[in-house]
Amino acid sequence: MTETDESIRDILLTTRRIAVVGASDRPDRPSFGVARFLVDRGYAITPVNPGIAGRTLHGASVVARLEEAGPLDMVDVFRRSQDAGAVVDEAIRLGARTVWLQLGVIDDAAGARARAAGIRFVQDRCPVIEWRRLGLPGKIA
């Protein structure tokens, strides 16, 4: 099942806290720009990356593991498709409301597990692109 425009809009406008798994402190990486965009729109982000844990990214403290990022409204995953399932399973265990896999990240089996657990699941999409495509406001309410 693919999320509709209406459900994507609802996710983006009702989410408040986002764990960005695979966040990077390198400005040339997509996760860096997406995290900045999310902060600029009013979201509270928690960057997750064991390689830069303890540093600050876009005003937020970077944590090493997803379990340190709670509570979770949404988990935004910047990992290879073959690594995404483990992140999805952890998000399910931690009670995330939504799991969002970035462009090029696809794991249908993980999506089925998330949906079976009552979690909204988006894959192969970018919240920045969706925000702009749907013409959403400058900031979340």
C-alpha atoms as a PDB file:
ATOM      1  CA  MET A   1       0.000   0.000   0.000  1.00  0.00           C
ATOM      2  CA  THR A   2       1.306   3.410  -0.966  1.00  0.00           C
ATOM      3  CA  GLU A   3       0.539   6.487   1.065  1.00  0.00           C
ATOM      4  CA  THR A   4      -1.779   8.965  -0.661  1.00  0.00           C
ATOM      5  CA  ASP A   5      -1.116  12.683  -1.052  1.00  0.00           C
ATOM      6  CA  GLU A   6      -3.613  13.276   1.743  1.00  0.00           C
ATOM      7  CA  SER A   7      -1.875  10.873   4.109  1.00  0.00           C
ATOM      8  CA  ILE A   8       1.572  12.318   3.237  1.00  0.00           C
ATOM      9  CA  ARG A   9       0.186  15.803   3.961  1.00  0.00           C
ATOM     10  CA  ASP A  10      -1.242  14.570   7.265  1.00  0.00           C
ATOM     11  CA  ILE A  11       2.069  12.959   8.275  1.00  0.00           C
ATOM     12  CA  LEU A  12       4.045  16.105   7.480  1.00  0.00           C
ATOM     13  CA  LEU A  13       1.620  18.449   9.240  1.00  0.00           C
ATOM     14  CA  THR A  14       0.986  16.388  12.399  1.00  0.00           C
ATOM     15  CA  THR A  15       4.501  15.115  13.073  1.00  0.00           C
ATOM     16  CA  ARG A  16       6.542  17.117  15.578  1.00  0.00           C
ATOM     17  CA  ARG A  17       9.623  15.018  16.499  1.00  0.00           C
ATOM     18  CA  ILE A  18      11.757  13.302  13.867  1.00  0.00           C
ATOM     19  CA  ALA A  19      14.719  10.985  14.398  1.00  0.00           C
ATOM     20  CA  VAL A  20      17.007  11.288  11.369  1.00  0.00           C
ATOM     21  CA  VAL A  21      18.830   7.953  11.119  1.00  0.00           C
ATOM     22  CA  GLY A  22      22.024   8.270   9.132  1.00  0.00           C
ATOM     23  CA  ALA A  23      22.247  12.025   9.687  1.00  0.00           C
ATOM     24  CA  SER A  24      25.507  13.489   8.447  1.00  0.00           C
ATOM     25  CA  ASP A  25      27.492  16.553   9.446  1.00  0.00           C
ATOM     26  CA  ARG A  26      28.805  16.815   5.886  1.00  0.00           C
ATOM     27  CA  PRO A  27      26.989  19.573   3.960  1.00  0.00           C
ATOM     28  CA  ASP A  28      27.295  17.628   0.698  1.00  0.00           C
ATOM     29  CA  ARG A  29      25.194  14.721   2.038  1.00  0.00           C
ATOM     30  CA  PRO A  30      21.409  14.672   1.430  1.00  0.00           C
ATOM     31  CA  SER A  31      20.692  13.922   5.098  1.00  0.00           C
ATOM     32  CA  PHE A  32      22.423  17.166   6.102  1.00  0.00           C
ATOM     33  CA  GLY A  33      20.163  19.275   3.864  1.00  0.00           C
ATOM     34  CA  VAL A  34      16.981  17.400   4.733  1.00  0.00           C
ATOM     35  CA  ALA A  35      17.679  17.739   8.464  1.00  0.00           C
ATOM     36  CA  ARG A  36      18.243  21.486   8.017  1.00  0.00           C
ATOM     37  CA  PHE A  37      14.987  21.779   6.045  1.00  0.00           C
ATOM     38  CA  LEU A  38      13.068  19.951   8.787  1.00  0.00           C
ATOM     39  CA  VAL A  39      14.496  22.195  11.514  1.00  0.00           C
ATOM     40  CA  ASP A  40      13.666  25.278   9.441  1.00  0.00           C
ATOM     41  CA  ARG A  41      10.056  24.054   9.175  1.00  0.00           C
ATOM     42  CA  GLY A  42       9.716  23.806  12.953  1.00  0.00           C
ATOM     43  CA  TYR A  43      10.339  20.123  13.600  1.00  0.00           C
ATOM     44  CA  ALA A  44      12.376  18.945  16.570  1.00  0.00           C
ATOM     45  CA  ILE A  45      14.963  16.569  15.147  1.00  0.00           C
ATOM     46  CA  THR A  46      17.267  14.074  16.786  1.00  0.00           C
ATOM     47  CA  PRO A  47      20.127  13.124  14.473  1.00  0.00           C
ATOM     48  CA  VAL A  48      21.176   9.469  14.855  1.00  0.00           C
ATOM     49  CA  ASN A  49      24.707   8.510  13.814  1.00  0.00           C
ATOM     50  CA  PRO A  50      27.197   6.648  16.036  1.00  0.00           C
ATOM     51  CA  GLY A  51      30.121   8.159  14.130  1.00  0.00           C
ATOM     52  CA  ILE A  52      29.277  11.711  15.189  1.00  0.00           C
ATOM     53  CA  ALA A  53      27.375  11.033  18.442  1.00  0.00           C
ATOM     54  CA  GLY A  54      27.878  13.757  21.027  1.00  0.00           C
ATOM     55  CA  ARG A  55      28.240  16.508  18.445  1.00  0.00           C
ATOM     56  CA  THR A  56      25.587  19.044  17.545  1.00  0.00           C
ATOM     57  CA  LEU A  57      23.872  19.172  14.159  1.00  0.00           C
ATOM     58  CA  HIS A  58      21.488  22.011  13.298  1.00  0.00           C
ATOM     59  CA  GLY A  59      21.181  22.789  17.009  1.00  0.00           C
ATOM     60  CA  ALA A  60      20.337  19.217  18.004  1.00  0.00           C
ATOM     61  CA  SER A  61      22.516  16.751  19.903  1.00  0.00           C
ATOM     62  CA  VAL A  62      23.498  13.721  17.811  1.00  0.00           C
ATOM     63  CA  VAL A  63      22.839  10.342  19.452  1.00  0.00           C
ATOM     64  CA  ALA A  64      24.422   6.997  18.630  1.00  0.00           C
ATOM     65  CA  ARG A  65      21.303   4.814  18.594  1.00  0.00           C
ATOM     66  CA  LEU A  66      17.657   5.214  17.681  1.00  0.00           C
ATOM     67  CA  GLU A  67      16.587   4.160  21.173  1.00  0.00           C
ATOM     68  CA  GLU A  68      18.268   7.331  22.489  1.00  0.00           C
ATOM     69  CA  ALA A  69      16.098   9.525  20.264  1.00  0.00           C
ATOM     70  CA  GLY A  70      12.655   8.940  21.802  1.00  0.00           C
ATOM     71  CA  PRO A  71       9.862   9.720  21.988  1.00  0.00           C
ATOM     72  CA  LEU A  72       9.415   9.165  18.267  1.00  0.00           C
ATOM     73  CA  ASP A  73       6.765  10.633  16.036  1.00  0.00           C
ATOM     74  CA  MET A  74       8.663   9.786  12.867  1.00  0.00           C
ATOM     75  CA  VAL A  75      11.867   7.973  11.962  1.00  0.00           C
ATOM     76  CA  ASP A  76      13.417   9.303   8.735  1.00  0.00           C
ATOM     77  CA  VAL A  77      15.866   6.712   7.387  1.00  0.00           C
ATOM     78  CA  PHE A  78      18.966   7.556   5.352  1.00  0.00           C
ATOM     79  CA  ARG A  79      20.413   4.040   5.077  1.00  0.00           C
ATOM     80  CA  ARG A  80      20.868   1.553   2.253  1.00  0.00           C
ATOM     81  CA  SER A  81      17.810  -0.545   1.452  1.00  0.00           C
ATOM     82  CA  GLN A  82      19.474  -3.705   2.795  1.00  0.00           C
ATOM     83  CA  ASP A  83      20.028  -1.960   6.158  1.00  0.00           C
ATOM     84  CA  ALA A  84      16.625  -0.306   6.421  1.00  0.00           C
ATOM     85  CA  GLY A  85      14.714  -3.325   7.749  1.00  0.00           C
ATOM     86  CA  ALA A  86      16.645  -3.394  11.013  1.00  0.00           C
ATOM     87  CA  VAL A  87      15.926   0.315  11.537  1.00  0.00           C
ATOM     88  CA  VAL A  88      12.238  -0.248  10.784  1.00  0.00           C
ATOM     89  CA  ASP A  89      12.113  -3.127  13.275  1.00  0.00           C
ATOM     90  CA  GLU A  90      13.719  -0.914  15.930  1.00  0.00           C
ATOM     91  CA  ALA A  91      11.234   1.878  15.162  1.00  0.00           C
ATOM     92  CA  ILE A  92       8.382  -0.610  15.592  1.00  0.00           C
ATOM     93  CA  ARG A  93       9.818  -1.787  18.922  1.00  0.00           C
ATOM     94  CA  LEU A  94      10.160   1.817  20.112  1.00  0.00           C
ATOM     95  CA  GLY A  95       6.604   2.785  19.134  1.00  0.00           C
ATOM     96  CA  ALA A  96       7.227   5.272  16.320  1.00  0.00           C
ATOM     97  CA  ARG A  97       4.071   6.559  14.634  1.00  0.00           C
ATOM     98  CA  THR A  98       5.643   6.827  11.161  1.00  0.00           C
ATOM     99  CA  VAL A  99       8.664   5.381   9.398  1.00  0.00           C
ATOM    100  CA  TRP A 100       9.880   7.240   6.320  1.00  0.00           C
ATOM    101  CA  LEU A 101      12.504   5.718   4.010  1.00  0.00           C
ATOM    102  CA  GLN A 102      14.293   8.248   1.827  1.00  0.00           C
ATOM    103  CA  LEU A 103      14.571   8.313  -1.959  1.00  0.00           C
ATOM    104  CA  GLY A 104      16.077   5.085  -3.255  1.00  0.00           C
ATOM    105  CA  VAL A 105      15.499   3.266   0.038  1.00  0.00           C
ATOM    106  CA  ILE A 106      13.004   0.456  -0.496  1.00  0.00           C
ATOM    107  CA  ASP A 107      12.062  -2.462   1.737  1.00  0.00           C
ATOM    108  CA  ASP A 108       8.553  -3.778   1.095  1.00  0.00           C
ATOM    109  CA  ALA A 109       8.855  -6.507   3.746  1.00  0.00           C
ATOM    110  CA  ALA A 110       9.792  -3.941   6.400  1.00  0.00           C
ATOM    111  CA  GLY A 111       6.873  -1.812   5.246  1.00  0.00           C
ATOM    112  CA  ALA A 112       4.510  -4.749   5.704  1.00  0.00           C
ATOM    113  CA  ARG A 113       5.851  -5.288   9.246  1.00  0.00           C
ATOM    114  CA  ALA A 114       5.440  -1.599  10.074  1.00  0.00           C
ATOM    115  CA  ARG A 115       1.899  -1.433   8.742  1.00  0.00           C
ATOM    116  CA  ALA A 116       0.984  -4.661  10.575  1.00  0.00           C
ATOM    117  CA  ALA A 117       2.151  -2.916  13.755  1.00  0.00           C
ATOM    118  CA  GLY A 118      -0.103   0.080  13.005  1.00  0.00           C
ATOM    119  CA  ILE A 119       2.717   2.353  11.869  1.00  0.00           C
ATOM    120  CA  ARG A 120       2.480   4.593   8.821  1.00  0.00           C
ATOM    121  CA  PHE A 121       5.158   3.728   6.283  1.00  0.00           C
ATOM    122  CA  VAL A 122       6.536   5.809   3.427  1.00  0.00           C
ATOM    123  CA  GLN A 123       9.373   4.660   1.207  1.00  0.00           C
ATOM    124  CA  ASP A 124      11.392   5.974  -1.724  1.00  0.00           C
ATOM    125  CA  ARG A 125      10.294   9.549  -1.045  1.00  0.00           C
ATOM    126  CA  CYS A 126      11.834  12.670   0.416  1.00  0.00           C
ATOM    127  CA  PRO A 127       9.919  14.905   2.858  1.00  0.00           C
ATOM    128  CA  VAL A 128      11.499  18.030   1.311  1.00  0.00           C
ATOM    129  CA  ILE A 129      10.268  17.101  -2.165  1.00  0.00           C
ATOM    130  CA  GLU A 130       6.846  16.091  -0.840  1.00  0.00           C
ATOM    131  CA  TRP A 131       6.538  19.300   1.209  1.00  0.00           C
ATOM    132  CA  ARG A 132       7.194  21.420  -1.860  1.00  0.00           C
ATOM    133  CA  ARG A 133       5.126  19.247  -4.227  1.00  0.00           C
ATOM    134  CA  LEU A 134       2.104  19.476  -1.906  1.00  0.00           C
ATOM    135  CA  GLY A 135       2.558  23.239  -1.443  1.00  0.00           C
ATOM    136  CA  LEU A 136       2.658  23.045   2.349  1.00  0.00           C
ATOM    137  CA  PRO A 137       3.063  26.183   4.488  1.00  0.00           C
ATOM    138  CA  GLY A 138       6.394  27.656   5.556  1.00  0.00           C
ATOM    139  CA  LYS A 139       6.263  26.007   9.002  1.00  0.00           C
ATOM    140  CA  ILE A 140       4.278  23.387  10.832  1.00  0.00           C
ATOM    141  CA  ALA A 141       1.550  24.834  13.028  1.00  0.00           C
END
